[in-house]
Protein backbone atom coordinates (compact mmCIF):
# COMPACT_ATOMS: atom_id res chain seq x y z
CA MET A 1 80.02 36.15 105.79
CA ASN A 2 82.14 38.91 107.20
CA GLY A 3 83.50 37.46 110.45
CA ALA A 4 83.99 40.90 112.03
CA ASN A 5 80.27 41.69 112.01
CA TRP A 6 77.90 38.74 112.10
CA GLY A 7 74.90 40.81 111.12
CA MET A 8 76.36 41.90 107.79
CA LEU A 9 77.02 40.18 104.50
CA GLU A 10 79.64 41.40 102.08
CA GLY A 11 77.77 42.50 98.97
CA ARG A 12 78.91 43.44 95.51
CA ARG A 13 81.56 46.16 95.40
CA GLY A 14 82.51 45.36 99.00
CA GLN A 15 79.45 47.08 100.45
CA ALA A 16 77.96 45.53 103.55
CA GLU A 17 74.32 44.47 103.42
CA LYS A 18 72.24 44.30 106.60
CA LEU A 19 70.92 40.87 107.51
CA TRP A 20 68.46 41.97 110.20
CA ARG A 21 66.49 45.09 111.04
CA TYR A 22 65.49 45.98 114.58
CA GLY A 23 62.70 48.17 115.83
CA LEU A 24 60.82 49.15 118.97
CA VAL A 25 57.13 48.40 119.27
CA ARG A 26 55.43 51.06 121.40
CA GLU A 27 51.83 50.76 122.54
CA SER A 28 49.67 52.52 125.06
CA ILE A 29 48.22 50.25 127.77
CA GLU A 30 46.20 50.73 130.94
CA VAL A 31 47.70 49.44 134.18
CA GLU A 32 45.56 49.78 137.33
CA GLY A 33 43.57 52.58 135.73
CA VAL A 34 46.64 54.51 134.55
CA ARG A 35 47.69 54.85 130.89
CA ARG A 36 51.30 53.82 130.32
CA GLU A 37 53.59 53.12 127.41
CA SER A 38 54.50 49.50 126.79
CA TYR A 39 57.51 48.54 124.69
CA GLY A 40 58.39 45.49 122.69
CA VAL A 41 60.80 44.64 119.89
CA ASP A 42 60.62 43.65 116.25
CA VAL A 43 63.36 41.72 114.39
CA ILE A 44 63.14 41.25 110.63
CA ASP A 45 65.37 39.10 108.41
CA CYS A 46 66.11 41.38 105.44
CA ARG A 47 66.75 38.44 103.11
CA THR A 48 63.74 36.22 103.82
CA GLY A 49 61.25 38.61 105.39
CA GLU A 50 60.97 36.37 108.48
CA ARG A 51 59.78 38.48 111.40
CA SER A 52 59.66 38.02 115.13
CA ARG A 53 57.71 40.60 117.13
CA ARG A 54 57.31 40.54 120.89
CA ARG A 55 54.95 43.02 122.49
CA HIS A 56 54.75 44.26 126.10
CA VAL A 57 58.29 43.36 127.15
CA THR A 58 58.77 46.42 129.41
CA THR A 59 57.15 49.69 130.41
CA SER A 60 60.51 51.45 130.69
CA GLY A 61 61.64 53.42 127.66
CA LEU A 62 65.23 53.29 128.91
CA ASP A 63 65.12 49.51 129.28
CA ALA A 64 63.57 49.20 125.82
CA ALA A 65 66.36 51.27 124.27
CA ALA A 66 68.99 49.18 126.10
CA LEU A 67 67.35 45.98 124.87
CA LEU A 68 67.28 47.24 121.29
CA ASP A 69 70.97 48.11 121.56
CA LEU A 70 71.72 44.62 122.92
CA LEU A 71 69.86 43.01 120.00
CA GLU A 72 71.74 45.10 117.45
CA ARG A 73 75.16 44.54 119.02
CA GLY A 74 74.51 40.81 119.36
CA GLN A 75 73.10 40.57 115.83
CA VAL A 76 70.10 38.63 117.15
CA SER A 77 68.03 36.94 114.45
CA PRO A 78 64.24 36.40 114.49
CA ALA A 79 64.89 32.73 115.31
CA THR A 80 66.94 33.53 118.44
CA LEU A 81 64.94 36.50 119.76
CA ASP A 82 62.95 34.48 122.30
CA ASP A 83 66.10 32.97 123.85
CA VAL A 84 67.69 36.40 124.22
CA LEU A 85 64.50 37.88 125.70
CA GLU A 86 64.25 35.05 128.22
CA ASP A 87 67.81 35.75 129.40
CA TRP A 88 67.25 39.52 129.40
CA LEU A 89 64.03 39.31 131.40
CA GLY A 90 65.67 36.99 133.94
CA ARG A 91 68.57 39.36 134.59
């Protein structure tokens, strides 16, 4: 594993291969009679296909983007997503 970037593996010809993919989950929900956007996150292990999806984490698009950035920078795996979300929600 390339120690400089925990989310990458050194592949053939020195090319880095992604270990995890991150995505936002956006859904429309009704809160007190008002339609709003709800955001969650999706983390997929590119090698095994293991997936961890958490819906309805926030209704703020800015917070969702910041969370996605945190997951990518921290190279969070599907197995550790819940721990990171617990810390993030308790901030």
